[in-house]
Amino acid sequence: MLKNTPIPTKRELQLLSVAAEMYPFVKTGGLGDVVGSLPPALEKHAVCTRTLLPGYPSVLRALSGKTQTARIDNVLGHTVTVWHGRADSNTVYALDVPELYDRPGNPYLDSSGQPWSDNGIRYAVLCRVAALIATGLLPEWQPDAVLTHDWHAGLVAPYLHYMEKPTPPVAHVIHNLAFQGLYPRDMLHLFGLPDASFTPAQIEYHGQISFMKGALQLSDRLISVSPTYVEEIQTPEEGMGLDGVLRARSSVLTGILNGVDLHEWNPMTDSSVFFPYAVGDIMARRANKRVFQAEFGLPQKADALLLGMVSRLTTQKGADLLARVAPRLFQENIQLAVVGTGDATIMQEFAALRSRYPDNFVCHLRYSETLGHRLHSAVDASLIPSRFEPCGLTQFHALRYGSIPIAARVGGLSDTIIDANSAAVSEGVANGILFSPTTEDMLYLAIRRAQTLFRQKAVWARMQRNGALHDVSWNGKAAQYAQLLQEMSGYETIMTDAGTDIAPRRADPNSARPRLSRQVARMPRSAAGMTSSSLVPFPPRTGTRP
């Protein structure tokens, strides 16, 4: 910076994160983990995050010192109370709409395992309130940028597109393209969107409304959760019907790997671990294998290769392949433990295996955060036979806890695991085993390869230590997020002795906040066929719930 040039006012970028789940309040998979662990990591890079969540009972209970920050009488036909509070290390806004969110169990599924019939309006309300907050609903705070996660938050960008005022830029994170939020065309007005939005260039997808496509088409930046997944989703094979959209928008599509909270995943302080041990202490973790075997009634055989799988039990995760290959494995000196819930047929297959092979197989067919931690501290290898995997967090947990990941060569798994081929083993850099294609036979061969390496104690120990030393944190990855958010918001990074600050680019140094540059009048109102009444307030809900 030139001498005597005024230094811009240093400040944190204010970020609104919008998601359907957030660990530890509500979680069904990796989405909740990422939404919960990314904000503290971003703080180190001058990004201050406030997360907007549906007001599930678990979220409202978790908020400490909560205050009512807004009440809106008509959001798509619903009265919404916005609560503001702290939950663990995060600042949270929760939408209190009992008829939409006050339900037991899984946030997306009813007691029969089917999606709630009104999921469309449940998450449209979330998106609509996010758009209102982004454009000044709350007098005490307004974001400089918005980060939306998966299909549940997919309508935020479309809503902002049709606002009549300047709006902050939106970055949309694709956690899993397979889930797209598809709803019938006749729900368009129920969602408060104009007819002009129902085009292939916006939210229309084969005659349906697609929350995900709306985000892909109208967000300023797109983020995928691994570099390899970026490449995969631009192909017809893995693009889930949206590969053409993603290829057309490839210039704004970026791949950034996920990370994990190292305090949450630390075998020395983890209360779920029977015998705590330091990261990388391979000898000390052996006691956990013995006690795990005893806990679940498996023979305490040190020479048995103990495999584990913590996952949603679905075909995407390859759980069906494991169920079919298991009897072949049990002919060898191999034991297997499975933790998770999912497809009823797959769960029945695992239950049958438990009865047939009590000395080789155990399963806990329910979600268990505790066992999700304890298993990685005890098993020799963790199985991840996914048919596709945007990023995956299981391999990070396994690596950090000294369990060797045996994984399909897809998505983020291939970005984080160094396969134990002969060259990698001889150079001492391998930390796991990769296989492709994702078939029953290839999974079986990968496990047999692992068994051969397991008998080579020095090689196996080296692989375990390599895994423990692998950086699975948000370090570097959060910096990539911060840089992307700052660039699209018109900020520049200032490095100081005290750390990282940001400042508005080309702004008045005395201004408390830069003028947001993103305008949403991308379509003439005459072309859109819109009136003020079709924008604010949105039309009330009519008819029955979807």
Protein backbone atom coordinates (compact mmCIF):
# COMPACT_ATOMS: atom_id res chain seq x y z
CA MET A 1 0.00 0.00 0.00
CA LEU A 2 1.39 3.46 -0.93
CA LYS A 3 2.63 5.75 1.82
CA ASN A 4 -0.01 8.16 3.18
CA THR A 5 -2.81 6.18 1.50
CA PRO A 6 -5.70 5.84 3.98
CA ILE A 7 -6.06 2.27 5.27
CA PRO A 8 -9.62 0.97 4.80
CA THR A 9 -11.62 0.18 7.89
CA LYS A 10 -10.75 -3.35 8.93
CA ARG A 11 -13.69 -5.61 9.69
CA GLU A 12 -14.98 -9.12 9.46
CA LEU A 13 -17.07 -10.22 6.53
CA GLN A 14 -20.57 -10.96 7.78
CA LEU A 15 -21.86 -14.27 6.42
CA LEU A 16 -25.34 -15.79 6.55
CA SER A 17 -25.18 -19.60 6.31
CA VAL A 18 -28.45 -21.37 5.51
CA ALA A 19 -28.92 -25.11 6.06
CA ALA A 20 -31.39 -27.78 7.12
CA GLU A 21 -29.14 -29.33 9.78
CA MET A 22 -26.21 -28.53 12.00
CA TYR A 23 -24.26 -30.74 14.39
CA PRO A 24 -24.71 -31.26 17.32
CA PHE A 25 -28.35 -30.10 17.30
CA VAL A 26 -29.59 -32.06 14.31
CA LYS A 27 -27.62 -34.35 12.01
CA THR A 28 -28.37 -37.08 9.49
CA GLY A 29 -24.96 -37.15 7.79
CA GLY A 30 -21.93 -35.14 6.77
CA LEU A 31 -23.98 -32.03 5.93
CA GLY A 32 -24.68 -31.41 9.61
CA ASP A 33 -21.01 -31.89 10.52
CA VAL A 34 -19.81 -29.40 7.91
CA VAL A 35 -22.42 -26.75 8.73
CA GLY A 36 -21.43 -26.99 12.40
CA SER A 37 -17.64 -27.06 12.06
CA LEU A 38 -17.02 -24.61 9.20
CA PRO A 39 -18.07 -21.34 10.94
CA PRO A 40 -15.47 -21.54 13.76
CA ALA A 41 -12.82 -22.30 11.13
CA LEU A 42 -13.89 -19.27 9.06
CA GLU A 43 -13.53 -16.98 12.07
CA LYS A 44 -9.76 -17.37 11.81
CA HIS A 45 -10.00 -15.82 8.34
CA ALA A 46 -12.06 -12.74 9.22
CA VAL A 47 -15.43 -14.28 8.33
CA CYS A 48 -18.13 -14.03 11.00
CA THR A 49 -20.95 -16.53 10.39
CA ARG A 50 -24.53 -16.63 11.59
CA THR A 51 -26.42 -19.79 10.67
CA LEU A 52 -30.14 -19.90 9.87
CA LEU A 53 -31.83 -23.20 10.75
CA PRO A 54 -35.35 -24.57 10.90
CA GLY A 55 -36.65 -24.41 14.47
CA TYR A 56 -36.64 -28.13 15.16
CA PRO A 57 -37.21 -28.87 18.87
CA SER A 58 -33.56 -29.86 19.32
CA VAL A 59 -32.39 -26.55 17.86
CA LEU A 60 -34.69 -24.40 20.00
CA ARG A 61 -33.66 -26.32 23.13
CA ALA A 62 -29.98 -25.82 22.36
CA LEU A 63 -30.10 -22.03 22.00
CA SER A 64 -28.73 -20.25 25.06
CA GLY A 65 -29.70 -16.69 25.91
CA LYS A 66 -32.10 -16.67 23.00
CA THR A 67 -34.02 -13.54 22.12
CA GLN A 68 -36.82 -12.92 19.67
CA THR A 69 -35.35 -10.87 16.87
CA ALA A 70 -38.27 -10.79 14.42
CA ARG A 71 -41.85 -11.91 13.91
CA ILE A 72 -43.28 -12.11 10.40
CA ASP A 73 -47.00 -12.66 9.96
CA ASN A 74 -47.11 -14.00 6.42
CA VAL A 75 -44.27 -16.03 5.03
CA LEU A 76 -45.83 -18.22 2.39
CA GLY A 77 -48.92 -18.41 4.58
CA HIS A 78 -47.13 -19.05 7.88
CA THR A 79 -46.34 -16.88 10.90
CA VAL A 80 -42.62 -17.06 11.66
CA THR A 81 -40.81 -16.12 14.85
CA VAL A 82 -37.04 -15.71 14.43
CA TRP A 83 -35.00 -16.53 17.54
CA HIS A 84 -31.38 -15.48 17.92
CA GLY A 85 -28.93 -17.17 20.27
CA ARG A 86 -25.68 -19.02 20.79
CA ALA A 87 -25.33 -22.77 20.53
CA ASP A 88 -21.91 -24.20 21.37
CA SER A 89 -19.48 -22.00 19.44
CA ASN A 90 -21.98 -20.88 16.80
CA THR A 91 -24.40 -17.98 16.42
CA VAL A 92 -27.77 -19.27 15.26
CA TYR A 93 -31.06 -17.91 13.98
CA ALA A 94 -33.88 -20.43 14.39
CA LEU A 95 -37.24 -20.24 12.65
CA ASP A 96 -39.99 -21.04 15.12
CA VAL A 97 -42.91 -22.37 13.04
CA PRO A 98 -44.36 -25.27 15.08
CA GLU A 99 -46.65 -26.61 12.35
CA LEU A 100 -43.63 -27.00 10.05
CA TYR A 101 -40.75 -28.00 12.29
CA ASP A 102 -42.03 -29.27 15.65
CA ARG A 103 -41.88 -32.97 14.78
CA PRO A 104 -40.10 -35.94 16.33
CA GLY A 105 -37.32 -38.00 14.80
CA ASN A 106 -35.69 -37.48 11.44
CA PRO A 107 -36.03 -33.91 10.12
CA TYR A 108 -36.96 -35.08 6.61
CA LEU A 109 -38.82 -38.38 7.08
CA ASP A 110 -41.95 -39.50 8.88
CA SER A 111 -42.24 -42.58 11.10
CA SER A 112 -42.70 -44.81 8.05
CA GLY A 113 -39.47 -43.58 6.48
CA GLN A 114 -41.19 -41.49 3.80
CA PRO A 115 -40.46 -37.79 3.17
CA TRP A 116 -42.81 -35.45 5.01
CA SER A 117 -45.53 -34.54 2.52
CA ASP A 118 -44.96 -30.81 3.11
CA ASN A 119 -41.15 -30.77 2.88
CA GLY A 120 -41.40 -28.37 -0.06
CA ILE A 121 -43.08 -25.60 1.92
CA ARG A 122 -41.00 -26.37 5.02
CA TYR A 123 -37.79 -25.52 3.23
CA ALA A 124 -39.28 -22.84 1.00
CA VAL A 125 -40.13 -20.92 4.20
CA LEU A 126 -36.53 -21.36 5.35
CA CYS A 127 -35.27 -19.96 2.04
CA ARG A 128 -37.75 -17.09 1.97
CA VAL A 129 -36.78 -15.91 5.47
CA ALA A 130 -33.11 -16.21 4.51
CA ALA A 131 -33.75 -13.87 1.57
CA LEU A 132 -35.51 -11.40 3.85
CA ILE A 133 -32.64 -11.45 6.35
CA ALA A 134 -30.16 -11.01 3.51
CA THR A 135 -31.93 -7.82 2.43
CA GLY A 136 -32.38 -6.11 5.78
CA LEU A 137 -35.14 -7.81 7.80
CA LEU A 138 -33.08 -7.56 10.98
CA PRO A 139 -32.21 -3.99 12.02
CA GLU A 140 -29.17 -5.10 14.04
CA TRP A 141 -27.45 -7.19 11.37
CA GLN A 142 -27.24 -7.68 7.62
CA PRO A 143 -24.89 -10.08 5.84
CA ASP A 144 -22.31 -9.24 3.21
CA ALA A 145 -22.67 -12.69 1.62
CA VAL A 146 -24.87 -15.76 1.82
CA LEU A 147 -23.72 -19.39 1.87
CA THR A 148 -26.45 -21.93 1.09
CA HIS A 149 -26.18 -25.68 1.59
CA ASP A 150 -27.77 -28.39 -0.58
CA TRP A 151 -31.29 -28.46 -1.98
CA HIS A 152 -33.02 -27.40 1.24
CA ALA A 153 -31.54 -23.91 0.83
CA GLY A 154 -31.74 -23.95 -2.96
CA LEU A 155 -34.48 -21.32 -3.33
CA VAL A 156 -32.55 -18.57 -1.56
CA ALA A 157 -30.86 -17.46 -4.78
CA PRO A 158 -34.13 -17.48 -6.80
CA TYR A 159 -35.91 -15.45 -4.12
CA LEU A 160 -33.08 -12.91 -4.09
CA HIS A 161 -33.14 -12.82 -7.88
CA TYR A 162 -36.63 -11.32 -7.77
CA MET A 163 -36.11 -8.87 -4.90
CA GLU A 164 -36.48 -5.18 -5.70
CA LYS A 165 -33.38 -4.04 -3.84
CA PRO A 166 -29.62 -4.68 -3.89
CA THR A 167 -28.81 -8.09 -2.47
CA PRO A 168 -25.65 -9.78 -1.23
CA PRO A 169 -23.98 -12.43 -3.42
CA VAL A 170 -24.78 -16.10 -2.90
CA ALA A 171 -22.44 -19.09 -2.92
CA HIS A 172 -24.16 -22.47 -3.02
CA VAL A 173 -22.48 -25.60 -1.65
CA ILE A 174 -23.29 -28.90 -3.39
CA HIS A 175 -22.99 -31.58 -0.71
CA ASN A 176 -24.87 -34.26 -2.66
CA LEU A 177 -26.29 -33.65 -6.12
CA ALA A 178 -28.47 -36.75 -5.91
CA PHE A 179 -30.96 -34.90 -3.70
CA GLN A 180 -32.53 -32.07 -5.68
CA GLY A 181 -35.80 -31.01 -4.04
CA LEU A 182 -38.23 -31.77 -6.90
CA TYR A 183 -41.85 -30.59 -6.68
CA PRO A 184 -44.80 -30.26 -9.08
CA ARG A 185 -45.21 -27.21 -11.31
CA ASP A 186 -48.50 -26.28 -9.63
CA MET A 187 -46.64 -25.52 -6.38
CA LEU A 188 -44.85 -22.55 -7.94
CA HIS A 189 -47.24 -19.95 -6.52
CA LEU A 190 -47.40 -21.81 -3.20
CA PHE A 191 -43.66 -21.15 -3.03
CA GLY A 192 -44.28 -17.49 -3.91
CA LEU A 193 -42.32 -17.51 -7.16
CA PRO A 194 -43.47 -15.82 -10.38
CA ASP A 195 -44.30 -17.71 -13.56
CA ALA A 196 -41.19 -16.23 -15.17
CA SER A 197 -39.01 -18.32 -12.85
CA PHE A 198 -40.31 -21.58 -14.33
CA THR A 199 -37.84 -21.81 -17.20
CA PRO A 200 -34.85 -24.10 -17.85
CA ALA A 201 -32.62 -21.09 -17.19
CA GLN A 202 -33.92 -20.91 -13.62
CA ILE A 203 -35.85 -23.53 -11.61
CA GLU A 204 -37.62 -25.72 -14.20
CA TYR A 205 -36.36 -29.29 -14.47
CA HIS A 206 -38.24 -31.66 -16.80
CA GLY A 207 -41.57 -30.06 -15.97
CA GLN A 208 -40.92 -29.88 -12.23
CA ILE A 209 -39.62 -27.29 -9.79
CA SER A 210 -36.06 -28.07 -8.70
CA PHE A 211 -34.69 -26.32 -5.61
CA MET A 212 -31.19 -27.52 -6.52
CA LYS A 213 -31.36 -26.31 -10.11
CA GLY A 214 -32.53 -22.89 -8.96
CA ALA A 215 -29.40 -22.64 -6.82
CA LEU A 216 -27.13 -23.88 -9.61
CA GLN A 217 -28.53 -21.41 -12.13
CA LEU A 218 -28.88 -18.28 -10.00
CA SER A 219 -26.13 -18.39 -7.36
CA ASP A 220 -23.05 -16.23 -7.94
CA ARG A 221 -20.60 -19.00 -7.06
CA LEU A 222 -20.92 -22.78 -6.79
CA ILE A 223 -18.83 -24.91 -4.46
CA SER A 224 -18.52 -28.68 -4.56
CA VAL A 225 -17.10 -30.51 -1.56
CA SER A 226 -14.12 -32.04 -3.36
CA PRO A 227 -12.12 -31.33 -6.53
CA THR A 228 -12.82 -34.78 -7.99
CA TYR A 229 -16.55 -34.41 -7.38
CA VAL A 230 -16.43 -31.19 -9.43
CA GLU A 231 -15.19 -33.21 -12.38
CA GLU A 232 -17.61 -36.09 -11.82
CA ILE A 233 -20.79 -34.00 -11.65
CA GLN A 234 -20.02 -32.43 -15.01
CA THR A 235 -20.35 -35.85 -16.68
CA PRO A 236 -23.60 -37.56 -17.77
CA GLU A 237 -22.72 -40.55 -15.58
CA GLU A 238 -22.51 -38.62 -12.29
CA GLY A 239 -24.27 -35.34 -13.06
CA MET A 240 -27.71 -36.57 -11.97
CA GLY A 241 -29.28 -34.88 -14.99
CA LEU A 242 -27.69 -31.51 -14.16
CA ASP A 243 -24.31 -32.04 -15.80
CA GLY A 244 -25.17 -29.67 -18.66
CA VAL A 245 -26.03 -26.88 -16.22
CA LEU A 246 -22.79 -27.44 -14.34
CA ARG A 247 -20.68 -27.50 -17.49
CA ALA A 248 -22.29 -24.23 -18.58
CA ARG A 249 -21.46 -22.69 -15.19
CA SER A 250 -18.03 -24.30 -14.80
CA SER A 251 -16.35 -20.88 -14.64
CA VAL A 252 -17.94 -20.24 -11.22
CA LEU A 253 -17.69 -23.84 -9.94
CA THR A 254 -14.97 -24.63 -7.39
CA GLY A 255 -14.05 -27.78 -5.49
CA ILE A 256 -13.04 -27.40 -1.83
CA LEU A 257 -12.56 -30.45 0.39
CA ASN A 258 -14.40 -30.69 3.68
CA GLY A 259 -12.61 -30.75 7.00
CA VAL A 260 -13.33 -31.96 10.52
CA ASP A 261 -13.19 -30.35 13.95
CA LEU A 262 -9.96 -31.63 15.51
CA HIS A 263 -11.28 -30.98 19.01
CA GLU A 264 -14.35 -33.11 18.33
CA TRP A 265 -12.22 -35.81 16.72
CA ASN A 266 -9.31 -36.30 19.11
CA PRO A 267 -8.71 -39.84 20.45
CA MET A 268 -6.90 -38.45 23.49
CA THR A 269 -9.90 -36.44 24.73
CA ASP A 270 -12.81 -38.28 23.08
CA SER A 271 -15.17 -39.54 25.79
CA SER A 272 -16.39 -42.28 23.42
CA VAL A 273 -12.95 -43.92 23.37
CA PHE A 274 -12.42 -46.57 26.07
CA PHE A 275 -8.65 -46.13 26.28
CA PRO A 276 -7.60 -42.62 25.14
CA TYR A 277 -4.45 -42.41 23.08
CA ALA A 278 -2.46 -39.73 21.27
CA VAL A 279 -3.01 -39.20 17.57
CA GLY A 280 -0.55 -41.51 15.82
CA ASP A 281 0.10 -43.75 18.86
CA ILE A 282 -0.51 -47.06 17.13
CA MET A 283 0.52 -49.28 20.04
CA ALA A 284 -1.81 -47.62 22.55
CA ARG A 285 -4.93 -48.06 20.43
CA ARG A 286 -4.64 -51.87 20.44
CA ALA A 287 -6.40 -52.10 23.81
CA ASN A 288 -9.47 -50.52 22.23
CA LYS A 289 -9.70 -53.37 19.74
CA ARG A 290 -9.77 -55.96 22.52
CA VAL A 291 -12.42 -54.17 24.57
CA PHE A 292 -14.53 -53.48 21.45
CA GLN A 293 -14.48 -57.17 20.57
CA ALA A 294 -15.48 -58.05 24.11
CA GLU A 295 -18.24 -55.42 24.21
CA PHE A 296 -19.95 -56.92 21.18
CA GLY A 297 -19.26 -60.57 21.91
CA LEU A 298 -16.62 -61.18 19.25
CA PRO A 299 -13.69 -63.49 20.01
CA GLN A 300 -10.77 -61.37 21.26
CA LYS A 301 -8.35 -62.35 18.53
CA ALA A 302 -5.54 -59.90 17.93
CA ASP A 303 -4.65 -61.55 14.63
CA ALA A 304 -8.18 -61.23 13.20
CA LEU A 305 -8.60 -58.34 10.79
CA LEU A 306 -11.37 -56.29 12.43
CA LEU A 307 -13.31 -54.25 9.87
CA GLY A 308 -15.83 -51.53 10.63
CA MET A 309 -18.42 -49.53 8.73
CA VAL A 310 -20.19 -46.43 10.06
CA SER A 311 -22.63 -45.17 7.47
CA ARG A 312 -26.12 -44.65 6.22
CA LEU A 313 -27.02 -48.13 5.04
CA THR A 314 -27.96 -47.30 1.47
CA THR A 315 -27.00 -48.37 -2.03
CA GLN A 316 -25.14 -45.08 -2.52
CA LYS A 317 -22.87 -46.06 0.37
CA GLY A 318 -22.41 -49.59 -1.02
CA ALA A 319 -23.94 -51.21 2.07
CA ASP A 320 -25.74 -53.73 -0.13
CA LEU A 321 -22.39 -54.82 -1.62
CA LEU A 322 -20.95 -55.38 1.84
CA ALA A 323 -23.96 -57.45 2.90
CA ARG A 324 -23.48 -59.72 -0.09
CA VAL A 325 -19.72 -60.06 0.19
CA ALA A 326 -19.67 -60.66 3.96
CA PRO A 327 -20.13 -64.47 3.88
CA ARG A 328 -17.03 -64.76 1.66
CA LEU A 329 -15.05 -62.67 4.13
CA PHE A 330 -16.04 -64.80 7.09
CA GLN A 331 -14.29 -67.79 5.55
CA GLU A 332 -11.10 -65.92 6.39
CA ASN A 333 -9.86 -64.67 9.76
CA ILE A 334 -11.97 -61.52 9.44
CA GLN A 335 -14.45 -59.85 11.78
CA LEU A 336 -16.90 -57.08 10.84
CA ALA A 337 -18.86 -54.46 12.80
CA VAL A 338 -21.53 -52.25 11.18
CA VAL A 339 -23.12 -49.15 12.73
CA GLY A 340 -25.90 -47.23 11.02
CA THR A 341 -29.44 -47.15 9.77
CA GLY A 342 -31.03 -46.81 6.37
CA ASP A 343 -32.71 -49.00 3.77
CA ALA A 344 -35.00 -51.57 5.42
CA THR A 345 -33.98 -54.39 3.09
CA ILE A 346 -30.28 -53.86 3.71
CA MET A 347 -30.86 -53.70 7.46
CA GLN A 348 -32.71 -57.02 7.30
CA GLU A 349 -29.78 -58.57 5.45
CA PHE A 350 -27.37 -57.41 8.15
CA ALA A 351 -29.67 -58.69 10.90
CA ALA A 352 -29.70 -62.11 9.21
CA LEU A 353 -25.89 -62.10 8.98
CA ARG A 354 -25.68 -61.36 12.71
CA SER A 355 -27.68 -64.53 13.44
CA ARG A 356 -25.68 -66.70 11.02
CA TYR A 357 -22.17 -65.50 11.92
CA PRO A 358 -22.13 -64.48 15.62
CA ASP A 359 -18.35 -64.98 15.90
CA ASN A 360 -17.60 -62.82 12.87
CA PHE A 361 -20.29 -60.17 12.58
CA VAL A 362 -21.98 -57.62 14.83
CA CYS A 363 -24.20 -54.69 13.96
CA HIS A 364 -25.92 -51.78 15.66
CA LEU A 365 -28.74 -50.88 13.30
CA ARG A 366 -29.43 -47.45 14.75
CA TYR A 367 -27.73 -44.09 14.58
CA SER A 368 -25.11 -43.71 17.31
CA GLU A 369 -22.70 -40.79 17.48
CA THR A 370 -20.84 -42.52 20.31
CA LEU A 371 -20.27 -45.75 18.39
CA GLY A 372 -19.37 -43.69 15.34
CA HIS A 373 -16.37 -42.46 17.29
CA ARG A 374 -15.57 -45.61 19.27
CA LEU A 375 -15.53 -47.86 16.21
CA HIS A 376 -12.74 -45.91 14.49
CA SER A 377 -10.62 -46.10 17.65
CA ALA A 378 -10.88 -49.90 17.68
CA VAL A 379 -11.12 -51.41 14.18
CA ASP A 380 -8.12 -52.15 12.02
CA ALA A 381 -9.77 -50.85 8.86
CA SER A 382 -12.86 -48.80 7.98
CA LEU A 383 -14.96 -49.70 4.94
CA ILE A 384 -16.30 -46.99 2.59
CA PRO A 385 -17.53 -48.83 -0.55
CA SER A 386 -19.54 -45.89 -1.91
CA ARG A 387 -20.85 -45.90 -5.46
CA PHE A 388 -20.40 -42.13 -5.38
CA GLU A 389 -19.11 -39.91 -2.59
CA PRO A 390 -19.01 -36.11 -2.96
CA CYS A 391 -16.40 -35.80 -0.22
CA GLY A 392 -16.97 -38.13 2.68
CA LEU A 393 -15.96 -37.53 6.28
CA THR A 394 -15.62 -41.16 7.35
CA GLN A 395 -12.18 -41.47 5.80
CA PHE A 396 -11.05 -38.39 7.76
CA HIS A 397 -12.27 -39.90 11.02
CA ALA A 398 -10.62 -43.23 10.23
CA LEU A 399 -7.29 -41.68 9.27
CA ARG A 400 -7.11 -39.53 12.37
CA TYR A 401 -7.93 -42.44 14.67
CA GLY A 402 -5.47 -44.87 13.08
CA SER A 403 -7.94 -47.03 11.16
CA ILE A 404 -6.99 -47.79 7.56
CA PRO A 405 -9.72 -46.69 5.10
CA ILE A 406 -10.69 -49.22 2.42
CA ALA A 407 -12.64 -47.11 -0.04
CA ALA A 408 -14.00 -46.86 -3.54
CA ARG A 409 -11.98 -44.62 -5.84
CA VAL A 410 -14.66 -41.95 -6.22
CA GLY A 411 -15.14 -38.28 -5.33
CA GLY A 412 -13.39 -36.98 -2.25
CA LEU A 413 -12.23 -40.47 -1.28
CA SER A 414 -9.76 -40.43 -4.15
CA ASP A 415 -8.67 -36.90 -3.15
CA THR A 416 -7.72 -37.88 0.40
CA ILE A 417 -6.56 -41.51 0.35
CA ILE A 418 -3.19 -42.62 -1.03
CA ASP A 419 -3.61 -46.19 -2.24
CA ALA A 420 -1.22 -48.84 -0.92
CA ASN A 421 0.04 -49.92 -4.33
CA SER A 422 3.55 -51.31 -4.54
CA ALA A 423 5.13 -47.93 -5.34
CA ALA A 424 3.36 -46.07 -2.52
CA VAL A 425 4.21 -48.83 -0.03
CA SER A 426 7.88 -48.90 -1.02
CA GLU A 427 8.07 -45.10 -0.73
CA GLY A 428 6.29 -45.21 2.63
CA VAL A 429 3.48 -42.80 1.69
CA ALA A 430 0.38 -45.04 1.53
CA ASN A 431 -2.41 -44.40 4.03
CA GLY A 432 -5.29 -46.53 2.73
CA ILE A 433 -6.65 -48.81 0.03
CA LEU A 434 -8.67 -47.70 -2.99
CA PHE A 435 -10.56 -49.89 -5.44
CA SER A 436 -12.61 -49.46 -8.59
CA PRO A 437 -15.08 -50.09 -10.01
CA THR A 438 -17.44 -50.30 -7.05
CA THR A 439 -18.50 -53.92 -7.34
CA GLU A 440 -18.82 -56.84 -4.97
CA ASP A 441 -15.76 -58.60 -6.40
CA MET A 442 -13.55 -55.51 -6.28
CA LEU A 443 -14.58 -54.82 -2.68
CA TYR A 444 -13.71 -58.41 -1.77
CA LEU A 445 -10.29 -58.15 -3.46
CA ALA A 446 -9.57 -54.83 -1.72
CA ILE A 447 -10.29 -56.39 1.67
CA ARG A 448 -8.09 -59.39 0.88
CA ARG A 449 -5.33 -56.98 -0.14
CA ALA A 450 -5.78 -55.24 3.20
CA GLN A 451 -5.52 -58.59 4.97
CA THR A 452 -2.19 -59.28 3.26
CA LEU A 453 -0.85 -55.87 4.32
CA PHE A 454 -2.23 -56.35 7.85
CA ARG A 455 0.04 -59.35 8.27
CA GLN A 456 3.03 -57.13 7.39
CA LYS A 457 3.10 -55.36 10.74
CA ALA A 458 5.69 -52.72 9.89
CA VAL A 459 3.93 -51.77 6.64
CA TRP A 460 0.54 -51.61 8.34
CA ALA A 461 1.88 -49.48 11.21
CA ARG A 462 3.49 -47.08 8.74
CA MET A 463 0.18 -46.70 6.90
CA GLN A 464 -1.59 -46.00 10.20
CA ARG A 465 0.93 -43.30 11.12
CA ASN A 466 0.69 -41.75 7.66
CA GLY A 467 -3.05 -41.53 8.11
CA ALA A 468 -2.78 -39.96 11.54
CA LEU A 469 -0.40 -37.33 10.15
CA HIS A 470 -2.71 -36.49 7.24
CA ASP A 471 -4.22 -33.02 7.69
CA VAL A 472 -7.96 -33.63 7.99
CA SER A 473 -8.67 -30.25 9.59
CA TRP A 474 -10.26 -27.15 8.08
CA ASN A 475 -6.79 -25.56 7.87
CA GLY A 476 -6.29 -24.33 4.33
CA LYS A 477 -9.79 -25.37 3.27
CA ALA A 478 -11.46 -22.67 5.37
CA ALA A 479 -8.99 -20.19 3.87
CA GLN A 480 -10.20 -21.18 0.39
CA TYR A 481 -13.81 -20.59 1.46
CA ALA A 482 -12.89 -17.23 2.96
CA GLN A 483 -11.03 -16.11 -0.13
CA LEU A 484 -13.94 -17.06 -2.38
CA LEU A 485 -16.47 -15.28 -0.16
CA GLN A 486 -14.32 -12.17 0.12
CA GLU A 487 -13.68 -11.99 -3.62
CA MET A 488 -17.32 -12.31 -4.58
CA SER A 489 -18.31 -9.75 -1.93
CA GLY A 490 -15.80 -7.15 -3.11
CA TYR A 491 -13.42 -7.35 -0.14
CA GLU A 492 -9.67 -7.58 0.03
CA THR A 493 -7.58 -9.35 2.64
CA ILE A 494 -5.22 -7.35 4.83
CA MET A 495 -2.48 -9.24 6.62
CA THR A 496 -1.47 -7.67 9.94
CA ASP A 497 0.68 -8.68 12.88
CA ALA A 498 -2.51 -9.60 14.69
CA GLY A 499 -3.74 -11.90 11.93
CA THR A 500 -6.09 -11.61 8.96
CA ASP A 501 -8.49 -8.73 8.45
CA ILE A 502 -10.55 -7.72 5.47
CA ALA A 503 -11.61 -4.36 4.13
CA PRO A 504 -14.10 -3.13 1.55
CA ARG A 505 -12.47 -2.73 -1.83
CA ARG A 506 -12.76 0.76 -3.34
CA ALA A 507 -14.97 1.87 -0.47
CA ASP A 508 -14.95 4.97 1.71
CA PRO A 509 -12.51 4.07 4.52
CA ASN A 510 -14.83 5.74 7.02
CA SER A 511 -17.81 3.66 5.97
CA ALA A 512 -18.95 1.04 8.44
CA ARG A 513 -20.10 -1.22 5.67
CA PRO A 514 -19.45 -1.36 1.92
CA ARG A 515 -22.24 -0.89 -0.53
CA LEU A 516 -23.32 -4.24 -1.86
CA SER A 517 -22.70 -4.35 -5.56
CA ARG A 518 -24.87 -7.28 -6.63
CA GLN A 519 -28.12 -6.09 -8.18
CA VAL A 520 -30.82 -8.59 -8.90
CA ALA A 521 -32.82 -6.79 -11.58
CA ARG A 522 -31.45 -9.27 -14.11
CA MET A 523 -34.71 -9.40 -16.00
CA PRO A 524 -36.90 -6.45 -17.01
CA ARG A 525 -40.01 -6.48 -14.86
CA SER A 526 -42.15 -6.27 -17.95
CA ALA A 527 -40.55 -9.48 -19.19
CA ALA A 528 -40.97 -11.14 -15.84
CA GLY A 529 -44.63 -10.17 -15.69
CA MET A 530 -44.23 -9.11 -12.05
CA THR A 531 -45.96 -6.59 -9.86
CA SER A 532 -45.16 -5.28 -6.43
CA SER A 533 -47.84 -7.48 -4.93
CA SER A 534 -46.16 -10.56 -6.38
CA LEU A 535 -42.94 -9.71 -4.57
CA VAL A 536 -43.64 -8.38 -1.08
CA PRO A 537 -45.53 -9.75 0.65
CA PHE A 538 -45.58 -13.11 -1.06
CA PRO A 539 -49.07 -14.40 -1.79
CA PRO A 540 -50.67 -16.34 1.05
CA ARG A 541 -50.76 -20.09 0.93
CA THR A 542 -53.90 -21.52 -0.59
CA GLY A 543 -55.31 -25.01 -0.81
CA THR A 544 -53.97 -28.04 1.00
CA ARG A 545 -50.35 -28.69 1.89
CA PRO A 546 -48.23 -30.48 -0.70
